[in-house]
Protein backbone atom coordinates (compact mmCIF):
# COMPACT_ATOMS: atom_id res chain seq x y z
CA MET A 1 130.42 113.66 65.81
CA THR A 2 134.10 113.71 64.82
CA PRO A 3 135.22 110.32 63.46
CA ASN A 4 137.59 108.47 65.67
CA PRO A 5 141.08 108.72 64.18
CA SER A 6 142.29 105.42 65.73
CA PRO A 7 143.47 102.86 63.13
CA PHE A 8 141.57 100.21 65.14
CA VAL A 9 138.13 101.76 64.98
CA SER A 10 136.75 99.10 62.65
CA ASP A 11 137.84 96.37 65.14
CA PHE A 12 135.32 97.30 67.78
CA LEU A 13 131.69 98.29 68.14
CA THR A 14 131.42 102.07 68.23
CA GLY A 15 129.43 104.76 66.57
CA ASP A 16 131.93 104.72 63.74
CA SER A 17 131.71 100.97 63.07
CA GLU A 18 127.97 100.09 63.45
CA THR A 19 127.73 98.94 59.84
CA THR A 20 130.89 96.82 60.10
CA TYR A 21 129.51 95.20 63.27
CA ARG A 22 126.20 94.33 61.68
CA GLU A 23 128.01 92.83 58.74
CA ALA A 24 130.20 90.75 61.01
CA ILE A 25 127.16 89.41 62.92
CA ALA A 26 125.34 88.67 59.68
CA LEU A 27 128.36 86.75 58.39
CA ALA A 28 128.50 84.64 61.58
CA ALA A 29 124.77 84.03 61.49
CA ASP A 30 124.92 83.00 57.86
CA ARG A 31 127.69 80.49 58.54
CA ALA A 32 125.95 79.05 61.61
CA SER A 33 122.53 78.69 59.97
CA GLY A 34 124.10 77.22 56.89
CA ALA A 35 126.07 74.61 58.82
CA LEU A 36 123.36 73.69 61.32
CA GLY A 37 120.17 74.28 59.31
CA GLY A 38 121.22 71.80 56.64
CA ALA A 39 122.67 69.18 59.02
CA THR A 40 121.50 65.68 58.08
CA LYS A 41 123.21 63.72 60.84
CA PRO A 42 123.31 64.18 64.61
CA GLY A 43 127.11 64.16 64.95
CA LEU A 44 130.27 62.12 65.58
CA VAL A 45 131.49 60.02 68.46
CA ASP A 46 135.11 59.34 67.42
CA GLY A 47 137.77 60.45 64.96
CA TYR A 48 139.78 62.91 67.06
CA ALA A 49 143.06 62.44 65.23
CA ALA A 50 141.66 63.46 61.86
CA LEU A 51 139.88 66.45 63.34
CA LYS A 52 143.02 67.59 65.21
CA SER A 53 145.00 67.31 61.91
CA ASP A 54 142.38 69.52 60.17
CA ALA A 55 142.55 72.15 62.91
CA GLY A 56 146.39 72.07 62.82
CA ARG A 57 146.38 73.21 59.14
CA LEU A 58 145.37 76.71 60.16
CA ASP A 59 148.26 78.99 60.87
CA LEU A 60 147.56 80.88 64.09
CA ASP A 61 150.81 82.83 63.76
CA ASP A 62 149.89 84.47 60.46
CA PRO A 63 151.11 88.11 60.77
CA HIS A 64 148.51 89.57 58.41
CA GLY A 65 145.40 87.52 59.03
CA VAL A 66 142.99 86.31 56.34
CA GLY A 67 140.00 88.62 56.98
CA LEU A 68 136.80 87.83 58.90
CA SER A 69 134.85 86.26 56.07
CA ARG A 70 137.54 83.68 55.33
CA ALA A 71 138.21 83.09 59.05
CA LEU A 72 134.54 82.33 59.57
CA ASP A 73 134.48 80.06 56.51
CA GLU A 74 137.44 78.17 57.98
CA ALA A 75 135.81 77.89 61.35
CA ALA A 76 132.46 76.76 59.92
CA GLY A 77 134.35 74.26 57.72
CA LEU A 78 135.94 72.77 60.81
CA LEU A 79 132.60 72.55 62.63
CA ALA A 80 130.09 71.60 59.96
CA GLU A 81 129.26 67.88 59.80
CA LYS A 82 131.91 67.32 62.51
CA SER A 83 130.02 68.56 65.56
CA VAL A 84 127.09 67.29 67.56
CA VAL A 85 123.88 68.87 66.23
CA VAL A 86 121.83 69.47 69.37
CA THR A 87 118.67 70.35 67.42
CA HIS A 88 118.70 67.02 65.57
CA PRO A 89 115.98 64.69 66.81
CA ALA A 90 118.40 61.79 66.81
CA TYR A 91 120.89 63.42 69.20
CA LEU A 92 119.95 61.77 72.53
CA ALA A 93 123.25 61.21 74.25
CA HIS A 94 123.53 63.87 76.93
CA LEU A 95 121.85 66.66 78.83
CA HIS A 96 122.86 68.96 75.99
CA CYS A 97 119.86 70.92 74.85
CA PRO A 98 119.20 72.94 71.68
CA PRO A 99 119.36 76.64 72.65
CA ALA A 100 116.12 78.53 71.96
CA LEU A 101 116.32 81.44 69.53
CA PRO A 102 115.66 84.07 72.23
CA SER A 103 118.72 82.76 74.11
CA LEU A 104 120.86 82.95 70.94
CA ALA A 105 119.65 86.53 70.30
CA ALA A 106 120.39 87.45 73.90
CA GLU A 107 123.92 86.06 73.44
CA VAL A 108 124.49 88.84 70.93
CA LEU A 109 123.66 91.41 73.57
CA VAL A 110 125.67 89.55 76.27
CA SER A 111 128.77 89.43 74.06
CA ALA A 112 128.47 92.98 72.62
CA PHE A 113 127.87 94.77 75.95
CA ASN A 114 130.56 92.51 77.60
CA GLN A 115 129.63 93.38 81.14
CA SER A 116 131.70 91.90 83.94
CA MET A 117 129.40 90.85 86.75
CA ASP A 118 131.88 91.23 89.60
CA SER A 119 131.41 94.93 90.52
CA PHE A 120 128.65 97.45 90.06
CA ASP A 121 130.86 99.94 88.25
CA GLN A 122 131.55 97.30 85.54
CA ALA A 123 127.95 96.27 85.06
CA PRO A 124 125.42 98.77 86.56
CA ALA A 125 122.20 97.75 84.72
CA ALA A 126 123.31 94.14 84.35
CA THR A 127 123.68 93.89 88.14
CA ALA A 128 120.16 95.04 88.75
CA ILE A 129 118.84 92.70 85.99
CA GLU A 130 120.67 89.67 87.35
CA GLN A 131 119.42 90.37 90.86
CA GLN A 132 115.87 90.66 89.56
CA VAL A 133 116.16 87.31 87.78
CA ILE A 134 117.68 85.72 90.91
CA GLU A 135 114.81 86.99 93.08
CA TYR A 136 112.32 85.67 90.58
CA LEU A 137 114.02 82.23 90.48
CA CYS A 138 114.02 82.11 94.33
CA THR A 139 110.34 82.83 94.40
CA ARG A 140 109.67 80.22 91.72
CA MET A 141 111.68 77.68 93.76
CA GLY A 142 109.44 78.40 96.74
CA TYR A 143 111.99 80.31 98.84
CA ALA A 144 110.80 83.09 101.12
CA PRO A 145 112.07 86.67 101.13
CA GLY A 146 115.66 86.78 102.37
CA SER A 147 116.87 84.17 99.92
CA ASP A 148 119.43 84.90 97.27
CA GLY A 149 121.60 83.38 94.60
CA THR A 150 124.27 83.90 91.99
CA PHE A 151 124.73 82.78 88.39
CA THR A 152 127.48 80.25 87.88
CA SER A 153 129.38 78.56 85.08
CA GLY A 154 127.53 75.31 85.61
CA GLY A 155 126.55 72.61 88.13
CA THR A 156 130.17 71.71 89.04
CA GLN A 157 130.81 75.23 90.28
CA SER A 158 127.38 75.43 91.97
CA ASN A 159 127.95 72.18 93.83
CA LEU A 160 131.45 73.24 94.89
CA GLN A 161 130.25 76.58 96.21
CA ALA A 162 127.31 75.02 98.09
CA LEU A 163 129.57 72.58 99.87
CA LEU A 164 132.09 75.29 100.58
CA LEU A 165 129.32 77.35 102.31
CA ALA A 166 128.17 74.24 104.19
CA ARG A 167 131.73 73.41 105.33
CA ASP A 168 132.66 76.95 106.36
CA LEU A 169 129.39 77.64 108.24
CA PHE A 170 129.66 74.29 109.96
CA ALA A 171 133.16 75.07 111.17
CA ARG A 172 132.08 78.55 112.39
CA ASN A 173 128.95 77.44 114.16
CA THR A 174 130.27 74.22 115.65
CA TYR A 175 133.89 75.09 116.50
CA GLY A 176 133.99 78.88 116.26
CA TRP A 177 136.62 78.31 113.55
CA ASP A 178 137.23 80.65 110.62
CA ILE A 179 138.40 78.46 107.75
CA ALA A 180 138.90 81.45 105.44
CA ALA A 181 141.51 82.86 107.89
CA ARG A 182 142.92 79.68 109.48
CA GLY A 183 142.45 76.88 107.04
CA LEU A 184 140.91 73.55 108.03
CA PRO A 185 140.85 72.68 111.76
CA PRO A 186 142.37 69.44 113.01
CA GLU A 187 138.94 67.86 113.34
CA ALA A 188 138.10 68.31 109.64
CA GLY A 189 139.31 64.81 108.78
CA SER A 190 136.28 63.34 110.55
CA TRP A 191 133.63 65.50 108.80
CA ARG A 192 131.22 63.71 106.54
CA VAL A 193 128.73 64.32 103.71
CA LEU A 194 125.76 62.14 102.97
CA CYS A 195 124.83 61.33 99.32
CA THR A 196 124.10 58.39 97.09
CA ARG A 197 126.07 56.46 94.54
CA GLN A 198 123.94 58.24 91.91
CA THR A 199 125.12 61.67 93.09
CA HIS A 200 127.04 63.58 90.40
CA PHE A 201 130.81 63.08 90.40
CA SER A 202 131.31 66.83 90.85
CA VAL A 203 130.50 66.38 94.54
CA GLN A 204 133.51 64.15 94.83
CA GLN A 205 135.57 66.74 93.00
CA ALA A 206 134.30 69.43 95.36
CA LEU A 207 135.28 67.42 98.42
CA ARG A 208 138.76 67.03 97.03
CA LEU A 209 139.07 70.73 96.37
CA LEU A 210 137.71 71.54 99.85
CA GLY A 211 140.47 69.49 101.46
CA LEU A 212 138.15 66.78 102.80
CA GLY A 213 138.65 64.08 100.11
CA THR A 214 136.20 61.49 98.85
CA ALA A 215 136.67 59.61 102.16
CA ALA A 216 134.30 62.22 103.57
CA ILE A 217 131.33 60.58 101.75
CA ILE A 218 128.91 58.34 103.58
CA GLU A 219 126.84 56.56 100.96
CA VAL A 220 123.08 56.35 101.43
CA PRO A 221 121.42 53.40 99.62
CA THR A 222 119.04 53.85 96.73
CA ASP A 223 116.00 52.06 95.39
CA ASP A 224 115.67 50.39 91.98
CA ALA A 225 114.91 53.73 90.37
CA GLY A 226 118.14 55.23 91.68
CA ARG A 227 116.45 57.40 94.32
CA MET A 228 117.74 57.84 97.85
CA ARG A 229 116.08 55.60 100.42
CA ALA A 230 114.96 58.28 102.80
CA GLU A 231 114.05 55.76 105.50
CA ALA A 232 117.73 54.83 105.77
CA LEU A 233 118.84 58.31 106.73
CA THR A 234 117.87 58.26 110.43
CA GLY A 235 119.74 54.99 111.06
CA ILE A 236 122.86 56.27 109.31
CA LEU A 237 122.82 59.49 111.27
CA GLU A 238 122.35 57.62 114.54
CA GLY A 239 125.31 55.47 113.65
CA ALA A 240 127.40 58.57 112.90
CA ASP A 241 126.35 60.00 116.28
CA ARG A 242 127.45 56.83 118.10
CA ALA A 243 130.83 56.94 116.23
CA GLY A 244 131.28 60.63 117.01
CA THR A 245 131.37 61.37 113.24
CA PRO A 246 130.12 64.90 112.41
CA VAL A 247 127.90 65.13 109.34
CA PHE A 248 127.85 68.68 107.96
CA ALA A 249 125.97 68.26 104.66
CA LEU A 250 123.31 66.16 102.92
CA VAL A 251 123.33 66.17 99.11
CA LEU A 252 120.08 65.25 97.32
CA THR A 253 119.68 64.99 93.63
CA ALA A 254 116.76 66.12 91.45
CA GLY A 255 117.57 64.38 88.18
CA THR A 256 120.40 61.93 88.37
CA THR A 257 122.78 61.63 85.41
CA ASP A 258 122.17 57.97 84.89
CA PHE A 259 118.38 57.59 85.30
CA GLY A 260 116.99 61.13 85.68
CA ALA A 261 115.78 60.03 89.12
CA ILE A 262 114.59 62.56 91.68
CA ASP A 263 115.38 61.85 95.33
CA PRO A 264 112.65 62.30 97.84
CA LEU A 265 113.34 65.86 99.03
CA GLU A 266 110.86 66.75 101.73
CA ALA A 267 111.51 64.09 104.32
CA PRO A 268 115.34 64.01 104.10
CA ALA A 269 115.53 67.80 104.21
CA ALA A 270 113.42 67.80 107.38
CA VAL A 271 115.61 65.21 109.03
CA ALA A 272 118.72 67.18 108.14
CA ARG A 273 117.29 70.47 109.29
CA ALA A 274 116.33 68.99 112.73
CA ARG A 275 119.96 68.09 113.18
CA GLY A 276 121.44 71.35 111.87
CA ILE A 277 122.84 69.64 108.72
CA TRP A 278 123.04 71.70 105.53
CA THR A 279 120.87 70.26 102.75
CA HIS A 280 121.99 70.91 99.20
CA VAL A 281 119.91 69.78 96.19
CA ASP A 282 121.74 69.20 92.97
CA ALA A 283 118.83 70.07 90.65
CA CYS A 284 120.95 70.83 87.62
CA ALA A 285 119.17 68.26 85.50
CA GLY A 286 115.61 68.54 86.90
CA GLY A 287 115.44 71.93 88.57
CA CYS A 288 113.69 73.60 85.61
CA LEU A 289 110.66 71.44 86.30
CA ILE A 290 109.63 74.29 88.60
CA PHE A 291 108.42 75.99 85.38
CA SER A 292 106.04 73.11 84.58
CA GLU A 293 102.67 72.90 86.27
CA LYS A 294 102.50 69.27 85.27
CA TYR A 295 105.83 68.13 86.74
CA ARG A 296 106.79 70.63 89.44
CA HIS A 297 105.26 68.36 92.08
CA LEU A 298 108.28 66.11 91.63
CA LEU A 299 110.33 68.81 93.35
CA ARG A 300 108.05 69.04 96.40
CA GLY A 301 110.17 69.97 99.39
CA ILE A 302 112.95 71.59 97.44
CA GLU A 303 112.15 74.88 99.19
CA GLN A 304 113.41 73.34 102.46
CA ALA A 305 116.94 72.98 101.10
CA ASP A 306 119.64 75.39 102.22
CA SER A 307 120.96 75.56 98.64
CA VAL A 308 119.90 74.45 95.16
CA ALA A 309 121.97 74.14 92.00
CA ILE A 310 120.01 74.64 88.72
CA ASP A 311 121.19 74.56 85.15
CA PHE A 312 119.32 76.56 82.52
CA HIS A 313 121.49 75.15 79.71
CA LYS A 314 119.55 71.90 80.14
CA LEU A 315 115.76 72.14 80.45
CA LEU A 316 115.37 75.88 79.94
CA PHE A 317 116.99 75.59 76.54
CA GLN A 318 119.70 78.20 77.10
CA ALA A 319 123.03 78.56 75.31
CA ILE A 320 125.93 77.28 77.39
CA SER A 321 126.73 78.35 79.98
CA CYS A 322 123.75 79.43 82.06
CA SER A 323 123.40 78.17 85.66
CA ALA A 324 122.67 79.40 89.14
CA LEU A 325 123.14 78.55 92.82
CA LEU A 326 120.28 79.61 95.02
CA VAL A 327 120.39 79.78 98.81
CA ARG A 328 117.52 79.88 101.25
CA SER A 329 119.21 82.48 103.42
CA ARG A 330 121.16 85.43 101.95
CA SER A 331 123.38 85.46 105.04
CA SER A 332 124.89 82.17 103.86
CA PHE A 333 127.01 84.13 101.44
CA ASP A 334 128.70 85.95 104.30
CA ALA A 335 131.17 83.08 104.42
CA LEU A 336 132.51 84.29 101.03
CA VAL A 337 132.80 88.04 101.68
CA ALA A 338 136.16 89.57 101.04
CA HIS A 339 137.06 93.09 99.96
CA ALA A 340 139.51 94.37 97.40
CA ASP A 341 140.09 98.08 97.33
CA TYR A 342 140.09 98.27 93.58
CA LEU A 343 136.92 96.25 93.19
CA ASN A 344 134.53 96.13 96.10
CA PRO A 345 135.90 98.17 98.98
CA ALA A 346 133.95 97.94 102.24
CA SER A 347 133.12 101.69 101.90
CA ASP A 348 130.83 100.78 98.96
CA SER A 349 128.25 99.78 101.53
CA GLU A 350 127.64 103.50 102.14
CA HIS A 351 126.64 104.00 98.54
CA ASP A 352 123.83 102.85 96.23
CA VAL A 353 125.77 99.99 94.68
CA LEU A 354 125.71 96.19 94.78
CA ASN A 355 128.90 94.26 94.05
CA LEU A 356 127.97 90.69 93.17
CA VAL A 357 131.52 89.37 93.54
CA SER A 358 130.75 89.10 97.23
CA LYS A 359 128.63 85.98 96.64
CA SER A 360 130.51 84.34 93.78
CA LEU A 361 133.60 82.17 93.41
CA GLN A 362 134.23 83.96 90.16
CA THR A 363 135.56 87.44 89.65
CA THR A 364 135.10 88.18 85.94
CA ARG A 365 131.75 86.59 85.11
CA ARG A 366 129.41 86.66 82.08
CA PHE A 367 125.97 88.29 82.12
CA ASP A 368 124.19 84.98 81.54
CA ALA A 369 121.11 86.08 83.50
CA LEU A 370 120.13 88.18 80.48
CA LYS A 371 119.45 85.06 78.45
CA VAL A 372 116.91 83.82 81.03
CA LEU A 373 115.23 87.17 81.15
CA VAL A 374 114.97 87.55 77.40
CA THR A 375 113.69 84.03 76.94
CA LEU A 376 110.98 84.26 79.63
CA ARG A 377 109.91 87.71 78.38
CA ALA A 378 109.93 86.64 74.71
CA VAL A 379 107.92 83.41 74.87
CA GLY A 380 106.36 83.39 78.35
CA GLN A 381 106.38 80.88 81.12
CA ARG A 382 103.51 78.78 79.68
CA HIS A 383 105.39 78.19 76.42
CA ILE A 384 108.53 77.19 78.31
CA ALA A 385 106.43 74.77 80.37
CA ALA A 386 105.01 73.24 77.18
CA MET A 387 108.51 72.68 75.83
CA ILE A 388 109.62 71.04 79.07
CA ASP A 389 106.44 68.89 79.13
CA ALA A 390 107.21 67.82 75.54
CA THR A 391 110.57 66.39 76.52
CA CYS A 392 108.97 64.35 79.34
CA ALA A 393 106.24 63.17 76.99
CA ALA A 394 108.82 61.97 74.49
CA ALA A 395 110.63 60.08 77.27
CA SER A 396 107.35 58.59 78.43
CA SER A 397 106.63 57.40 74.88
CA ALA A 398 110.06 55.84 74.57
CA ALA A 399 109.69 54.08 77.87
CA HIS A 400 106.32 52.65 76.93
CA ALA A 401 107.69 51.44 73.62
CA ALA A 402 110.67 49.79 75.34
CA ALA A 403 108.49 48.09 77.96
CA GLU A 404 106.20 46.70 75.30
CA HIS A 405 108.90 45.51 72.94
CA PRO A 406 109.78 41.79 73.36
CA ASP A 407 113.44 42.37 72.56
CA LEU A 408 114.01 45.31 74.99
CA GLU A 409 113.84 45.91 78.68
CA LEU A 410 113.95 49.05 80.83
CA ALA A 411 117.02 49.07 83.05
CA ALA A 412 115.29 51.40 85.52
CA PRO A 413 111.90 53.05 85.95
CA VAL A 414 111.51 56.31 84.05
CA CYS A 415 110.95 59.37 86.24
CA THR A 416 111.44 62.37 84.05
CA ASN A 417 113.23 62.72 80.66
CA THR A 418 115.89 59.90 80.73
CA VAL A 419 115.23 56.39 79.47
CA VAL A 420 117.78 53.62 80.05
CA LEU A 421 117.08 50.41 78.15
CA ARG A 422 118.81 47.21 77.01
CA TRP A 423 118.47 44.95 73.99
CA ARG A 424 117.96 41.38 75.18
CA GLN A 425 117.31 37.84 74.03
CA PRO A 426 116.67 35.04 76.52
CA ASP A 427 119.39 32.75 75.08
CA VAL A 428 122.10 35.36 75.05
CA VAL A 429 124.51 35.37 78.03
CA PRO A 430 125.09 38.74 79.84
CA GLU A 431 128.61 39.20 78.42
CA LYS A 432 127.42 38.85 74.85
CA ARG A 433 124.37 40.93 75.49
CA ASP A 434 126.60 43.72 76.79
CA GLY A 435 128.64 43.53 73.65
CA ILE A 436 125.59 43.85 71.45
CA ASN A 437 124.31 46.81 73.35
CA ASP A 438 127.66 48.54 72.90
CA ALA A 439 127.55 47.62 69.22
CA ILE A 440 124.09 49.13 68.74
CA ARG A 441 125.31 52.45 70.05
CA ALA A 442 128.41 52.32 67.82
CA GLU A 443 126.44 51.35 64.69
CA LEU A 444 123.83 54.03 65.20
CA ALA A 445 126.61 56.59 65.34
CA ARG A 446 128.62 55.09 62.42
CA THR A 447 125.59 55.12 60.10
CA GLY A 448 124.53 58.57 61.16
CA ARG A 449 121.20 57.33 62.49
CA ALA A 450 121.57 58.51 66.07
CA ILE A 451 123.91 59.57 68.86
CA VAL A 452 122.80 57.84 72.07
CA GLY A 453 124.30 57.55 75.55
CA ARG A 454 125.40 54.65 77.62
CA SER A 455 125.08 53.57 81.23
CA SER A 456 126.15 50.69 83.40
CA ALA A 457 124.53 51.97 86.58
CA ALA A 458 121.92 49.18 86.68
CA GLY A 459 124.52 46.46 86.04
CA GLY A 460 125.55 45.54 82.55
CA GLN A 461 125.77 47.78 79.50
CA ALA A 462 122.68 49.74 78.68
CA ILE A 463 121.65 52.43 76.20
CA LYS A 464 120.64 55.81 77.56
CA LEU A 465 118.25 58.13 75.76
CA THR A 466 118.14 61.67 77.18
CA PHE A 467 115.29 63.87 76.03
CA VAL A 468 116.03 67.61 76.31
CA ASN A 469 114.93 68.56 72.81
CA PRO A 470 111.33 69.66 72.44
CA LEU A 471 111.60 68.95 68.68
CA ILE A 472 111.46 65.20 69.38
CA THR A 473 107.88 64.14 69.27
CA ALA A 474 106.41 61.14 71.13
CA SER A 475 106.14 59.20 67.80
CA MET A 476 109.78 59.96 66.99
CA ALA A 477 110.84 58.69 70.36
CA ALA A 478 108.95 55.45 70.00
CA ALA A 479 110.35 54.96 66.47
CA MET A 480 113.92 55.39 67.75
CA VAL A 481 113.28 52.65 70.35
CA SER A 482 112.06 50.30 67.64
CA GLU A 483 115.16 51.05 65.59
CA ILE A 484 117.39 50.25 68.55
CA ALA A 485 115.71 46.84 68.80
CA ALA A 486 116.06 46.29 65.05
CA HIS A 487 119.74 47.09 65.15
CA GLY A 488 120.26 44.76 68.10
CA ASN A 489 118.53 41.89 66.34
CA ARG A 490 120.51 42.43 63.16
CA ILE A 491 123.81 42.50 65.03
CA TRP A 492 122.85 39.39 67.00
CA ARG A 493 121.90 37.43 63.90
CA ALA A 494 125.11 38.51 62.13
CA ARG A 495 127.28 37.37 65.10
CA ALA A 496 125.36 34.08 65.36
CA LEU A 497 125.96 33.44 61.68
CA GLU A 498 129.69 34.14 62.02
CA VAL A 499 129.90 31.61 64.82
CA SER A 500 127.93 28.99 62.91
CA THR A 501 130.22 29.25 59.86
CA VAL A 502 133.48 28.85 61.81
């Protein structure tokens, strides 16, 4: 083959630059493994100004560049010891999982092939692979043939798209109104969505973007665990009927952000379906329990939902981003269909092509489905289930340790992989107790012992431990709980001493 005479041949992956490409990937892998493999602390929680100053020292307007090796050294220097280390057993703050090695390996293919998932002619094989993965996920979710889905950037996008479909189909079926062509009808100001206070804030964002506003929410009460009280639904809907208030969607949650709670799914979905109300399940946090034989029963009834949002960059241990929206009926996506002559002309229906842009809010879109395929093929469903089960086992151990410790209390029952607890002493008033719980979190971070989350959902400040890392064993989880109590007692005694010496 004649060598490419372009002066840019070494800047791209071609037959003339294979060696250069391998060297570049090896350099990046070396910097990443060096920075993360040797990490001794779980990360930082403050110090933005200093980090911004460090980043500002790099000249992005350098006309000649510094070369890849030095540029990677600079980038790794900015990141090392100054980033959260999601593989560290003491990083427990968020639903931010360590990515499994098959996912990281698949990212190399995703980036190198650089397929754009909007039209078939930009991603032929990738289109077929994504659709195969979607069909598998629908089956795993319990959906029947005729279901469908699309990969998304995350739960925020999935929730937005689900409510957009619900809104537009409601307008079409109830009023014969085409929102895509005519905008919102005059009646839209009275339309309502049912959800709980524990529902993710992205639902509020979605309603703002959809022109309905947060006033469209009717709040359904929850129990002490943060789960929707299903028995309250019928009364709320009867009240809406009497007031002439149309309800077009019910949002259920499988894994709340605060408590990891899973709403009852079966009964509410049945009530909604009987009334023609779209049911959406935000299963971003807990949806991957469908892979676990031990815990999938917690999602019983999810197959009755009209749509489900699920994040694989949480409990399937995928590199960010990797998420999907699944729908019970493929025809639901008809509300999104639009044709662009350069991209997905209507005439394509006469050919053996599939343009995925017709069911996505995105045009250019990453081939994230490949990461799920490679991971499942590489390690198998049983191994994935074992990793998921390990996170729940760690949470269960932490919950047991907190419940048994005299200086701690659980702020809410533990359902899956999230534990919310408080330090306490009987003689400490709530305001001072809140301050000590805040101080525990800050001291754990300052000393490099742990990065933990926070919650005030149960009233008062609490510490939140989120287990999405299979590397955390049950004994490690229990030990972390004991350390939280020890920090609390040490802070309490120090403050009491300060008061006594004044």
